[in-house]
Amino acid sequence: MLVLLIIFMVAAPMMVVGVPVELPKTAAPRAATQRPPTVLTVSADGKIFLRQEPIEAEKLTAELRALHEADPEAPVYVRGDRSAPYGEVLRVMGRVTQAGITRVSLIAEAEAGTAAVQAR
């Protein structure tokens, strides 16, 4: 059962996203959500993707505001490539809050060895 849990923990993030980025590692536990999230991605070259579609930074706030009005409780996940400029990731998060969205999370990969610790 533990093996299945680890397989699902590793496979689930791959099923949610489509833009390839190298996520930073963290020892924090996974957040559980019941609603499908809106995923924003900042690639290594600073390009922004809403779900899997590229979007200009100027249009991002308006698009997020429309999504928030459709479902105010839906969470937003921000995926930033580990080599993306930190300021660009923060600018994207600022645009999320400008859209009125308060449920924002950063996505990262689990550090090696933390899956066994979390399963105990």
N, C-alpha and C. Protein backbone atom coordinates (compact mmCIF):
# COMPACT_ATOMS: atom_id res chain seq x y z
N MET A 1 0.82 -1.18 0.00
CA MET A 1 0.00 0.00 0.00
C MET A 1 0.87 1.25 0.00
N LEU A 2 1.97 1.21 0.74
CA LEU A 2 2.90 2.33 0.77
C LEU A 2 3.49 2.58 -0.61
N VAL A 3 3.80 1.50 -1.33
CA VAL A 3 4.35 1.64 -2.67
C VAL A 3 3.34 2.31 -3.60
N LEU A 4 2.07 1.93 -3.51
CA LEU A 4 1.04 2.57 -4.32
C LEU A 4 0.90 4.04 -3.99
N LEU A 5 0.97 4.37 -2.71
CA LEU A 5 0.90 5.77 -2.29
C LEU A 5 2.03 6.58 -2.90
N ILE A 6 3.24 6.04 -2.86
CA ILE A 6 4.39 6.74 -3.43
C ILE A 6 4.23 6.88 -4.94
N ILE A 7 3.75 5.84 -5.60
CA ILE A 7 3.55 5.91 -7.05
C ILE A 7 2.55 7.01 -7.40
N PHE A 8 1.44 7.09 -6.65
CA PHE A 8 0.46 8.13 -6.91
C PHE A 8 1.01 9.51 -6.59
N MET A 9 1.82 9.63 -5.54
CA MET A 9 2.40 10.93 -5.19
C MET A 9 3.34 11.42 -6.29
N VAL A 10 4.04 10.49 -6.92
CA VAL A 10 4.97 10.88 -7.98
C VAL A 10 4.23 11.12 -9.29
N ALA A 11 3.22 10.30 -9.59
CA ALA A 11 2.53 10.39 -10.88
C ALA A 11 1.50 11.52 -10.94
N ALA A 12 0.89 11.87 -9.82
CA ALA A 12 -0.18 12.88 -9.83
C ALA A 12 0.27 14.23 -10.38
N PRO A 13 1.41 14.78 -9.97
CA PRO A 13 1.80 16.07 -10.54
C PRO A 13 2.06 16.02 -12.05
N MET A 14 2.47 14.87 -12.55
CA MET A 14 2.73 14.76 -13.98
C MET A 14 1.44 14.77 -14.79
N MET A 15 0.34 14.35 -14.18
CA MET A 15 -0.93 14.33 -14.88
C MET A 15 -1.60 15.70 -14.89
N VAL A 16 -1.23 16.59 -13.99
CA VAL A 16 -1.88 17.88 -13.83
C VAL A 16 -1.31 18.91 -14.79
N VAL A 17 -0.06 18.83 -15.14
CA VAL A 17 0.60 19.89 -15.87
C VAL A 17 1.15 19.41 -17.20
N GLY A 18 1.37 20.35 -18.10
CA GLY A 18 1.88 19.98 -19.40
C GLY A 18 3.10 20.76 -19.84
N VAL A 19 3.41 21.89 -19.21
CA VAL A 19 4.56 22.68 -19.58
C VAL A 19 5.75 22.18 -18.78
N PRO A 20 6.81 21.72 -19.44
CA PRO A 20 7.93 21.16 -18.70
C PRO A 20 8.76 22.24 -18.00
N VAL A 21 8.88 22.13 -16.69
CA VAL A 21 9.75 23.00 -15.90
C VAL A 21 10.45 22.16 -14.85
N GLU A 22 11.59 22.63 -14.38
CA GLU A 22 12.31 21.96 -13.31
C GLU A 22 11.90 22.62 -12.00
N LEU A 23 11.09 21.93 -11.20
CA LEU A 23 10.59 22.50 -9.96
C LEU A 23 11.64 22.43 -8.87
N PRO A 24 11.63 23.41 -7.96
CA PRO A 24 12.54 23.34 -6.81
C PRO A 24 12.08 22.24 -5.85
N LYS A 25 12.98 21.81 -4.99
CA LYS A 25 12.67 20.75 -4.02
C LYS A 25 12.27 21.37 -2.69
N THR A 26 11.39 20.67 -1.94
CA THR A 26 10.97 21.13 -0.62
C THR A 26 10.67 19.94 0.27
N ALA A 27 10.77 20.14 1.59
CA ALA A 27 10.44 19.10 2.55
C ALA A 27 9.04 19.29 3.11
N ALA A 28 8.32 20.30 2.66
CA ALA A 28 6.96 20.57 3.16
C ALA A 28 6.01 19.48 2.70
N PRO A 29 5.00 19.14 3.52
CA PRO A 29 4.03 18.12 3.11
C PRO A 29 3.13 18.62 2.00
N ARG A 30 2.54 17.69 1.26
CA ARG A 30 1.64 18.03 0.16
C ARG A 30 0.35 18.62 0.70
N ALA A 31 -0.19 19.58 -0.03
CA ALA A 31 -1.48 20.17 0.31
C ALA A 31 -2.58 19.37 -0.38
N ALA A 32 -3.64 19.07 0.33
CA ALA A 32 -4.76 18.34 -0.25
C ALA A 32 -5.82 19.33 -0.72
N THR A 33 -6.35 19.09 -1.91
CA THR A 33 -7.41 19.95 -2.45
C THR A 33 -8.47 19.07 -3.09
N GLN A 34 -9.70 19.55 -3.09
CA GLN A 34 -10.78 18.78 -3.67
C GLN A 34 -11.27 19.39 -4.97
N ARG A 35 -10.93 20.62 -5.25
CA ARG A 35 -11.34 21.28 -6.49
C ARG A 35 -10.18 21.23 -7.49
N PRO A 36 -10.50 21.16 -8.78
CA PRO A 36 -9.41 21.21 -9.75
C PRO A 36 -8.77 22.60 -9.74
N PRO A 37 -7.47 22.67 -9.60
CA PRO A 37 -6.81 23.97 -9.52
C PRO A 37 -6.57 24.59 -10.89
N THR A 38 -6.37 25.89 -10.87
CA THR A 38 -5.88 26.61 -12.05
C THR A 38 -4.37 26.65 -11.90
N VAL A 39 -3.64 26.19 -12.90
CA VAL A 39 -2.19 26.11 -12.82
C VAL A 39 -1.56 27.19 -13.68
N LEU A 40 -0.71 28.01 -13.04
CA LEU A 40 0.09 29.01 -13.74
C LEU A 40 1.53 28.53 -13.74
N THR A 41 2.20 28.63 -14.87
CA THR A 41 3.57 28.18 -14.97
C THR A 41 4.46 29.32 -15.44
N VAL A 42 5.61 29.48 -14.77
CA VAL A 42 6.63 30.43 -15.21
C VAL A 42 7.81 29.58 -15.66
N SER A 43 8.11 29.63 -16.96
CA SER A 43 9.19 28.80 -17.50
C SER A 43 10.54 29.43 -17.21
N ALA A 44 11.60 28.71 -17.52
CA ALA A 44 12.96 29.18 -17.24
C ALA A 44 13.27 30.49 -17.94
N ASP A 45 12.68 30.72 -19.11
CA ASP A 45 12.94 31.96 -19.84
C ASP A 45 11.96 33.07 -19.48
N GLY A 46 11.12 32.86 -18.45
CA GLY A 46 10.22 33.90 -17.96
C GLY A 46 8.87 33.96 -18.64
N LYS A 47 8.58 33.03 -19.56
CA LYS A 47 7.27 33.01 -20.20
C LYS A 47 6.22 32.49 -19.22
N ILE A 48 4.99 33.00 -19.35
CA ILE A 48 3.89 32.64 -18.45
C ILE A 48 2.89 31.79 -19.22
N PHE A 49 2.43 30.73 -18.57
CA PHE A 49 1.43 29.84 -19.15
C PHE A 49 0.27 29.73 -18.19
N LEU A 50 -0.95 29.89 -18.70
CA LEU A 50 -2.16 29.66 -17.93
C LEU A 50 -2.67 28.30 -18.37
N ARG A 51 -2.67 27.36 -17.44
CA ARG A 51 -2.85 25.94 -17.73
C ARG A 51 -1.72 25.55 -18.67
N GLN A 52 -1.97 25.26 -19.92
CA GLN A 52 -0.88 24.92 -20.83
C GLN A 52 -0.73 25.93 -21.96
N GLU A 53 -1.52 26.98 -21.93
CA GLU A 53 -1.50 27.98 -23.00
C GLU A 53 -0.66 29.19 -22.61
N PRO A 54 0.22 29.65 -23.50
CA PRO A 54 0.98 30.86 -23.18
C PRO A 54 0.05 32.07 -23.08
N ILE A 55 0.37 32.99 -22.17
CA ILE A 55 -0.44 34.18 -21.98
C ILE A 55 0.48 35.35 -21.68
N GLU A 56 0.10 36.52 -22.18
CA GLU A 56 0.89 37.72 -21.92
C GLU A 56 0.61 38.19 -20.51
N ALA A 57 1.62 38.74 -19.86
CA ALA A 57 1.49 39.19 -18.47
C ALA A 57 0.39 40.24 -18.33
N GLU A 58 0.21 41.09 -19.33
CA GLU A 58 -0.79 42.15 -19.26
C GLU A 58 -2.22 41.59 -19.25
N LYS A 59 -2.43 40.45 -19.87
CA LYS A 59 -3.76 39.85 -19.96
C LYS A 59 -4.05 38.89 -18.81
N LEU A 60 -3.03 38.57 -18.03
CA LEU A 60 -3.16 37.54 -17.00
C LEU A 60 -4.16 37.92 -15.91
N THR A 61 -4.09 39.15 -15.40
CA THR A 61 -4.99 39.55 -14.32
C THR A 61 -6.45 39.49 -14.74
N ALA A 62 -6.76 39.97 -15.94
CA ALA A 62 -8.14 39.95 -16.43
C ALA A 62 -8.64 38.51 -16.60
N GLU A 63 -7.79 37.65 -17.12
CA GLU A 63 -8.18 36.25 -17.31
C GLU A 63 -8.40 35.56 -15.96
N LEU A 64 -7.52 35.82 -15.01
CA LEU A 64 -7.67 35.23 -13.68
C LEU A 64 -8.91 35.76 -12.97
N ARG A 65 -9.20 37.05 -13.15
CA ARG A 65 -10.40 37.62 -12.54
C ARG A 65 -11.65 36.93 -13.08
N ALA A 66 -11.68 36.66 -14.39
CA ALA A 66 -12.83 35.97 -14.99
C ALA A 66 -12.95 34.54 -14.44
N LEU A 67 -11.83 33.85 -14.28
CA LEU A 67 -11.86 32.50 -13.72
C LEU A 67 -12.31 32.53 -12.27
N HIS A 68 -11.88 33.55 -11.53
CA HIS A 68 -12.25 33.67 -10.12
C HIS A 68 -13.74 33.96 -9.96
N GLU A 69 -14.29 34.76 -10.85
CA GLU A 69 -15.73 35.05 -10.80
C GLU A 69 -16.55 33.80 -11.11
N ALA A 70 -16.03 32.94 -11.98
CA ALA A 70 -16.74 31.70 -12.32
C ALA A 70 -16.72 30.71 -11.15
N ASP A 71 -15.61 30.66 -10.42
CA ASP A 71 -15.49 29.75 -9.27
C ASP A 71 -14.59 30.40 -8.22
N PRO A 72 -15.17 31.16 -7.29
CA PRO A 72 -14.37 31.90 -6.30
C PRO A 72 -13.55 31.02 -5.35
N GLU A 73 -13.90 29.76 -5.20
CA GLU A 73 -13.20 28.88 -4.26
C GLU A 73 -12.09 28.05 -4.92
N ALA A 74 -11.96 28.12 -6.23
CA ALA A 74 -10.95 27.31 -6.92
C ALA A 74 -9.55 27.82 -6.58
N PRO A 75 -8.63 26.91 -6.21
CA PRO A 75 -7.28 27.33 -5.89
C PRO A 75 -6.45 27.60 -7.15
N VAL A 76 -5.39 28.37 -6.99
CA VAL A 76 -4.45 28.64 -8.08
C VAL A 76 -3.08 28.13 -7.64
N TYR A 77 -2.47 27.31 -8.49
CA TYR A 77 -1.13 26.79 -8.22
C TYR A 77 -0.15 27.49 -9.15
N VAL A 78 0.95 27.96 -8.60
CA VAL A 78 1.99 28.60 -9.39
C VAL A 78 3.18 27.67 -9.43
N ARG A 79 3.59 27.31 -10.65
CA ARG A 79 4.76 26.47 -10.88
C ARG A 79 5.84 27.34 -11.48
N GLY A 80 6.94 27.48 -10.79
CA GLY A 80 8.05 28.28 -11.30
C GLY A 80 9.27 27.41 -11.52
N ASP A 81 9.85 27.46 -12.70
CA ASP A 81 11.07 26.71 -12.96
C ASP A 81 12.14 27.19 -11.98
N ARG A 82 12.96 26.26 -11.51
CA ARG A 82 13.96 26.65 -10.50
C ARG A 82 14.96 27.66 -11.04
N SER A 83 15.13 27.75 -12.34
CA SER A 83 16.06 28.74 -12.90
C SER A 83 15.34 29.99 -13.40
N ALA A 84 14.01 30.06 -13.19
CA ALA A 84 13.26 31.27 -13.55
C ALA A 84 13.63 32.38 -12.58
N PRO A 85 13.65 33.62 -13.06
CA PRO A 85 13.95 34.73 -12.16
C PRO A 85 12.92 34.80 -11.03
N TYR A 86 13.41 34.90 -9.80
CA TYR A 86 12.53 34.94 -8.62
C TYR A 86 11.55 36.09 -8.71
N GLY A 87 12.01 37.22 -9.21
CA GLY A 87 11.14 38.39 -9.34
C GLY A 87 9.98 38.14 -10.29
N GLU A 88 10.21 37.35 -11.33
CA GLU A 88 9.13 37.05 -12.28
C GLU A 88 8.05 36.19 -11.64
N VAL A 89 8.46 35.21 -10.83
CA VAL A 89 7.49 34.38 -10.12
C VAL A 89 6.68 35.24 -9.16
N LEU A 90 7.34 36.16 -8.46
CA LEU A 90 6.63 37.06 -7.54
C LEU A 90 5.68 38.00 -8.28
N ARG A 91 6.08 38.46 -9.47
CA ARG A 91 5.18 39.31 -10.27
C ARG A 91 3.92 38.54 -10.65
N VAL A 92 4.08 37.27 -11.03
CA VAL A 92 2.92 36.45 -11.37
C VAL A 92 2.02 36.28 -10.15
N MET A 93 2.61 36.01 -8.99
CA MET A 93 1.80 35.87 -7.78
C MET A 93 1.10 37.18 -7.43
N GLY A 94 1.76 38.31 -7.70
CA GLY A 94 1.12 39.60 -7.48
C GLY A 94 -0.08 39.80 -8.38
N ARG A 95 0.02 39.36 -9.61
CA ARG A 95 -1.13 39.46 -10.53
C ARG A 95 -2.28 38.56 -10.09
N VAL A 96 -1.95 37.43 -9.48
CA VAL A 96 -2.99 36.55 -8.96
C VAL A 96 -3.76 37.26 -7.85
N THR A 97 -3.05 37.89 -6.94
CA THR A 97 -3.74 38.60 -5.85
C THR A 97 -4.48 39.83 -6.35
N GLN A 98 -3.97 40.48 -7.40
CA GLN A 98 -4.68 41.61 -8.00
C GLN A 98 -6.02 41.16 -8.58
N ALA A 99 -6.10 39.91 -8.99
CA ALA A 99 -7.35 39.38 -9.54
C ALA A 99 -8.35 39.04 -8.44
N GLY A 100 -7.94 39.19 -7.18
CA GLY A 100 -8.84 38.91 -6.07
C GLY A 100 -8.78 37.49 -5.56
N ILE A 101 -7.80 36.73 -6.01
CA ILE A 101 -7.67 35.33 -5.61
C ILE A 101 -6.78 35.26 -4.37
N THR A 102 -7.28 34.61 -3.33
CA THR A 102 -6.52 34.51 -2.09
C THR A 102 -5.97 33.11 -1.86
N ARG A 103 -6.48 32.12 -2.56
CA ARG A 103 -6.01 30.74 -2.39
C ARG A 103 -4.95 30.43 -3.44
N VAL A 104 -3.70 30.78 -3.11
CA VAL A 104 -2.58 30.61 -4.02
C VAL A 104 -1.54 29.71 -3.36
N SER A 105 -1.01 28.75 -4.11
CA SER A 105 0.03 27.85 -3.60
C SER A 105 1.14 27.74 -4.62
N LEU A 106 2.35 27.52 -4.13
CA LEU A 106 3.48 27.23 -4.99
C LEU A 106 3.64 25.72 -5.09
N ILE A 107 3.98 25.24 -6.27
CA ILE A 107 4.20 23.80 -6.47
C ILE A 107 5.69 23.54 -6.50
N ALA A 108 6.12 22.49 -5.79
CA ALA A 108 7.52 22.08 -5.78
C ALA A 108 7.57 20.56 -5.75
N GLU A 109 8.71 20.01 -6.07
CA GLU A 109 8.91 18.57 -5.98
C GLU A 109 9.37 18.22 -4.57
N ALA A 110 9.04 17.03 -4.12
CA ALA A 110 9.50 16.57 -2.81
C ALA A 110 10.99 16.27 -2.87
N GLU A 111 11.70 16.61 -1.79
CA GLU A 111 13.11 16.28 -1.71
C GLU A 111 13.28 14.78 -1.57
N ALA A 112 14.41 14.28 -2.00
CA ALA A 112 14.68 12.84 -1.88
C ALA A 112 14.66 12.44 -0.42
N GLY A 113 13.95 11.35 -0.13
CA GLY A 113 13.88 10.84 1.24
C GLY A 113 12.72 11.36 2.05
N THR A 114 12.00 12.38 1.58
CA THR A 114 10.89 12.92 2.36
C THR A 114 9.62 12.11 2.19
N ALA A 115 9.48 11.36 1.11
CA ALA A 115 8.27 10.56 0.90
C ALA A 115 8.16 9.48 1.97
N ALA A 116 9.27 8.87 2.35
CA ALA A 116 9.24 7.84 3.36
C ALA A 116 8.92 8.44 4.73
N VAL A 117 9.41 9.64 4.99
CA VAL A 117 9.14 10.29 6.26
C VAL A 117 7.68 10.67 6.36
N GLN A 118 7.09 11.18 5.27
CA GLN A 118 5.69 11.59 5.29
C GLN A 118 4.75 10.41 5.42
N ALA A 119 5.13 9.24 4.95
CA ALA A 119 4.26 8.08 4.96
C ALA A 119 4.16 7.44 6.34
N ARG A 120 5.08 7.75 7.23
CA ARG A 120 5.06 7.15 8.57
C ARG A 120 3.95 7.64 9.41
